[in-house]
Amino acid sequence: MPVAPSKKNTENVAKYADMLSAMGTEPRLRIMRLLLSAHPDGLVVGDIQSELEIPNSTLSHHLEKLKNEDLVNVRRESTFLRYTANAEALQELLQFLYAECCTRNKAVKPQNIVQLCR
């Protein structure tokens, strides 16, 4: 018999759904990949813009959405804004996905995931 979801579990599902939704556009996924490649230093907005060739106003919108879902961190450096991937939030999201697909029912073999990352 299925176990009824707890309130905390339901809240987490909503949080993770919002995080996945925030990354669910091609530009935002490209931003996340770029910031992960620049981890832990991150990049200033101008570097992100020139690398991905996203107009500044559009880039600002995408970065704000990622920041609102706690996927990126931002800090001011003089007149620049430096963005970094929030590795802790991404790890939490991956652990959430991993818990079902790779532990309880082994739908995906853990070694296949690690192999993809190499």
C-alpha atoms as a PDB file:
ATOM      1  CA  MET A   1       0.000   0.000   0.000  1.00  0.00           C
ATOM      2  CA  PRO A   2       1.462   3.443  -0.952  1.00  0.00           C
ATOM      3  CA  VAL A   3       2.606   5.704   1.835  1.00  0.00           C
ATOM      4  CA  ALA A   4       0.831   9.070   2.053  1.00  0.00           C
ATOM      5  CA  PRO A   5       3.240  11.926   1.330  1.00  0.00           C
ATOM      6  CA  SER A   6       4.193  14.030   4.315  1.00  0.00           C
ATOM      7  CA  LYS A   7       3.717  17.801   4.253  1.00  0.00           C
ATOM      8  CA  LYS A   8       7.504  18.315   4.192  1.00  0.00           C
ATOM      9  CA  ASN A   9       7.884  15.913   1.272  1.00  0.00           C
ATOM     10  CA  THR A  10       5.111  17.718  -0.626  1.00  0.00           C
ATOM     11  CA  GLU A  11       6.817  21.072  -0.015  1.00  0.00           C
ATOM     12  CA  ASN A  12      10.100  19.667  -1.287  1.00  0.00           C
ATOM     13  CA  VAL A  13       8.476  18.318  -4.438  1.00  0.00           C
ATOM     14  CA  ALA A  14       7.046  21.764  -5.170  1.00  0.00           C
ATOM     15  CA  LYS A  15      10.434  23.385  -4.521  1.00  0.00           C
ATOM     16  CA  TYR A  16      12.263  20.959  -6.793  1.00  0.00           C
ATOM     17  CA  ALA A  17       9.617  21.306  -9.495  1.00  0.00           C
ATOM     18  CA  ASP A  18      10.134  25.069  -9.437  1.00  0.00           C
ATOM     19  CA  MET A  19      13.905  24.605  -9.672  1.00  0.00           C
ATOM     20  CA  LEU A  20      13.568  22.258 -12.627  1.00  0.00           C
ATOM     21  CA  SER A  21      11.105  24.628 -14.261  1.00  0.00           C
ATOM     22  CA  ALA A  22      13.544  27.513 -13.866  1.00  0.00           C
ATOM     23  CA  MET A  23      16.170  25.504 -15.735  1.00  0.00           C
ATOM     24  CA  GLY A  24      13.608  24.330 -18.271  1.00  0.00           C
ATOM     25  CA  THR A  25      14.482  26.820 -20.969  1.00  0.00           C
ATOM     26  CA  GLU A  26      17.427  26.525 -23.307  1.00  0.00           C
ATOM     27  CA  PRO A  27      19.039  29.870 -22.329  1.00  0.00           C
ATOM     28  CA  ARG A  28      18.805  29.168 -18.592  1.00  0.00           C
ATOM     29  CA  LEU A  29      20.210  25.694 -18.993  1.00  0.00           C
ATOM     30  CA  ARG A  30      23.100  27.172 -20.994  1.00  0.00           C
ATOM     31  CA  ILE A  31      23.662  29.735 -18.218  1.00  0.00           C
ATOM     32  CA  MET A  32      23.727  26.993 -15.578  1.00  0.00           C
ATOM     33  CA  ARG A  33      26.202  24.901 -17.563  1.00  0.00           C
ATOM     34  CA  LEU A  34      28.446  27.922 -18.091  1.00  0.00           C
ATOM     35  CA  LEU A  35      28.362  28.855 -14.411  1.00  0.00           C
ATOM     36  CA  LEU A  36      29.104  25.278 -13.423  1.00  0.00           C
ATOM     37  CA  SER A  37      32.089  25.259 -15.781  1.00  0.00           C
ATOM     38  CA  ALA A  38      33.325  28.437 -14.053  1.00  0.00           C
ATOM     39  CA  HIS A  39      32.745  27.052 -10.545  1.00  0.00           C
ATOM     40  CA  PRO A  40      33.660  28.131  -7.887  1.00  0.00           C
ATOM     41  CA  ASP A  41      34.664  31.605  -9.131  1.00  0.00           C
ATOM     42  CA  GLY A  42      31.625  32.227 -11.306  1.00  0.00           C
ATOM     43  CA  LEU A  43      31.393  34.944 -13.910  1.00  0.00           C
ATOM     44  CA  VAL A  44      30.423  38.576 -14.136  1.00  0.00           C
ATOM     45  CA  VAL A  45      27.359  39.407 -16.200  1.00  0.00           C
ATOM     46  CA  GLY A  46      29.389  40.821 -19.109  1.00  0.00           C
ATOM     47  CA  ASP A  47      31.340  37.566 -19.437  1.00  0.00           C
ATOM     48  CA  ILE A  48      28.155  35.504 -19.390  1.00  0.00           C
ATOM     49  CA  GLN A  49      26.638  37.777 -22.020  1.00  0.00           C
ATOM     50  CA  SER A  50      29.620  37.646 -24.348  1.00  0.00           C
ATOM     51  CA  GLU A  51      30.022  33.878 -23.979  1.00  0.00           C
ATOM     52  CA  LEU A  52      26.365  33.030 -24.598  1.00  0.00           C
ATOM     53  CA  GLU A  53      25.458  35.983 -26.830  1.00  0.00           C
ATOM     54  CA  ILE A  54      22.230  36.670 -24.940  1.00  0.00           C
ATOM     55  CA  PRO A  55      20.992  40.293 -25.014  1.00  0.00           C
ATOM     56  CA  ASN A  56      21.561  42.069 -21.709  1.00  0.00           C
ATOM     57  CA  SER A  57      17.899  42.651 -20.850  1.00  0.00           C
ATOM     58  CA  THR A  58      17.032  39.023 -21.615  1.00  0.00           C
ATOM     59  CA  LEU A  59      20.048  37.761 -19.682  1.00  0.00           C
ATOM     60  CA  SER A  60      19.025  39.834 -16.673  1.00  0.00           C
ATOM     61  CA  HIS A  61      15.569  38.232 -16.748  1.00  0.00           C
ATOM     62  CA  HIS A  62      17.018  34.696 -16.931  1.00  0.00           C
ATOM     63  CA  LEU A  63      19.528  35.329 -14.146  1.00  0.00           C
ATOM     64  CA  GLU A  64      16.790  36.746 -11.932  1.00  0.00           C
ATOM     65  CA  LYS A  65      14.635  33.654 -12.449  1.00  0.00           C
ATOM     66  CA  LEU A  66      17.563  31.352 -11.576  1.00  0.00           C
ATOM     67  CA  LYS A  67      18.380  33.475  -8.526  1.00  0.00           C
ATOM     68  CA  ASN A  68      14.747  33.414  -7.330  1.00  0.00           C
ATOM     69  CA  GLU A  69      14.827  29.607  -7.354  1.00  0.00           C
ATOM     70  CA  ASP A  70      18.143  29.601  -5.434  1.00  0.00           C
ATOM     71  CA  LEU A  71      20.031  28.023  -8.346  1.00  0.00           C
ATOM     72  CA  VAL A  72      22.562  30.828  -8.580  1.00  0.00           C
ATOM     73  CA  ASN A  73      24.165  33.171  -6.096  1.00  0.00           C
ATOM     74  CA  VAL A  74      25.045  36.765  -6.886  1.00  0.00           C
ATOM     75  CA  ARG A  75      27.425  39.176  -5.225  1.00  0.00           C
ATOM     76  CA  ARG A  76      28.385  42.718  -6.060  1.00  0.00           C
ATOM     77  CA  GLU A  77      32.008  43.465  -6.868  1.00  0.00           C
ATOM     78  CA  SER A  78      32.403  47.207  -7.295  1.00  0.00           C
ATOM     79  CA  THR A  79      30.177  47.971 -10.303  1.00  0.00           C
ATOM     80  CA  PHE A  80      29.901  44.339 -11.439  1.00  0.00           C
ATOM     81  CA  LEU A  81      27.595  41.504 -10.455  1.00  0.00           C
ATOM     82  CA  ARG A  82      29.257  38.101 -10.169  1.00  0.00           C
ATOM     83  CA  TYR A  83      27.068  35.017 -10.520  1.00  0.00           C
ATOM     84  CA  THR A  84      27.976  31.557  -9.299  1.00  0.00           C
ATOM     85  CA  ALA A  85      26.111  28.276  -9.505  1.00  0.00           C
ATOM     86  CA  ASN A  86      24.622  27.310  -6.154  1.00  0.00           C
ATOM     87  CA  ALA A  87      26.270  23.905  -5.951  1.00  0.00           C
ATOM     88  CA  GLU A  88      24.531  23.051  -2.667  1.00  0.00           C
ATOM     89  CA  ALA A  89      21.065  23.596  -4.156  1.00  0.00           C
ATOM     90  CA  LEU A  90      21.965  21.576  -7.251  1.00  0.00           C
ATOM     91  CA  GLN A  91      23.320  18.777  -5.083  1.00  0.00           C
ATOM     92  CA  GLU A  92      20.075  18.741  -3.096  1.00  0.00           C
ATOM     93  CA  LEU A  93      18.057  18.571  -6.324  1.00  0.00           C
ATOM     94  CA  LEU A  94      20.179  15.722  -7.668  1.00  0.00           C
ATOM     95  CA  GLN A  95      19.893  13.846  -4.372  1.00  0.00           C
ATOM     96  CA  PHE A  96      16.116  14.174  -4.574  1.00  0.00           C
ATOM     97  CA  LEU A  97      16.086  12.663  -8.069  1.00  0.00           C
ATOM     98  CA  TYR A  98      18.694  10.060  -7.163  1.00  0.00           C
ATOM     99  CA  ALA A  99      16.748   8.850  -4.128  1.00  0.00           C
ATOM    100  CA  GLU A 100      14.012   7.324  -6.252  1.00  0.00           C
ATOM    101  CA  CYS A 101      15.689   6.438  -9.510  1.00  0.00           C
ATOM    102  CA  CYS A 102      18.878   4.909  -8.210  1.00  0.00           C
ATOM    103  CA  THR A 103      18.325   3.590  -4.710  1.00  0.00           C
ATOM    104  CA  ARG A 104      14.916   2.144  -4.020  1.00  0.00           C
ATOM    105  CA  ASN A 105      14.016   0.636  -7.382  1.00  0.00           C
ATOM    106  CA  LYS A 106      17.297   0.956  -9.311  1.00  0.00           C
ATOM    107  CA  ALA A 107      15.559   2.342 -12.438  1.00  0.00           C
ATOM    108  CA  VAL A 108      18.886   3.972 -13.310  1.00  0.00           C
ATOM    109  CA  LYS A 109      22.186   2.417 -12.339  1.00  0.00           C
ATOM    110  CA  PRO A 110      24.344   4.858 -10.312  1.00  0.00           C
ATOM    111  CA  GLN A 111      27.480   3.905 -12.226  1.00  0.00           C
ATOM    112  CA  ASN A 112      25.812   5.034 -15.476  1.00  0.00           C
ATOM    113  CA  ILE A 113      25.279   8.506 -14.044  1.00  0.00           C
ATOM    114  CA  VAL A 114      28.847   8.805 -12.809  1.00  0.00           C
ATOM    115  CA  GLN A 115      30.118   7.519 -16.137  1.00  0.00           C
ATOM    116  CA  LEU A 116      28.219  10.287 -17.973  1.00  0.00           C
ATOM    117  CA  CYS A 117      29.903  12.915 -15.799  1.00  0.00           C
ATOM    118  CA  ARG A 118      33.445  11.901 -16.647  1.00  0.00           C
END
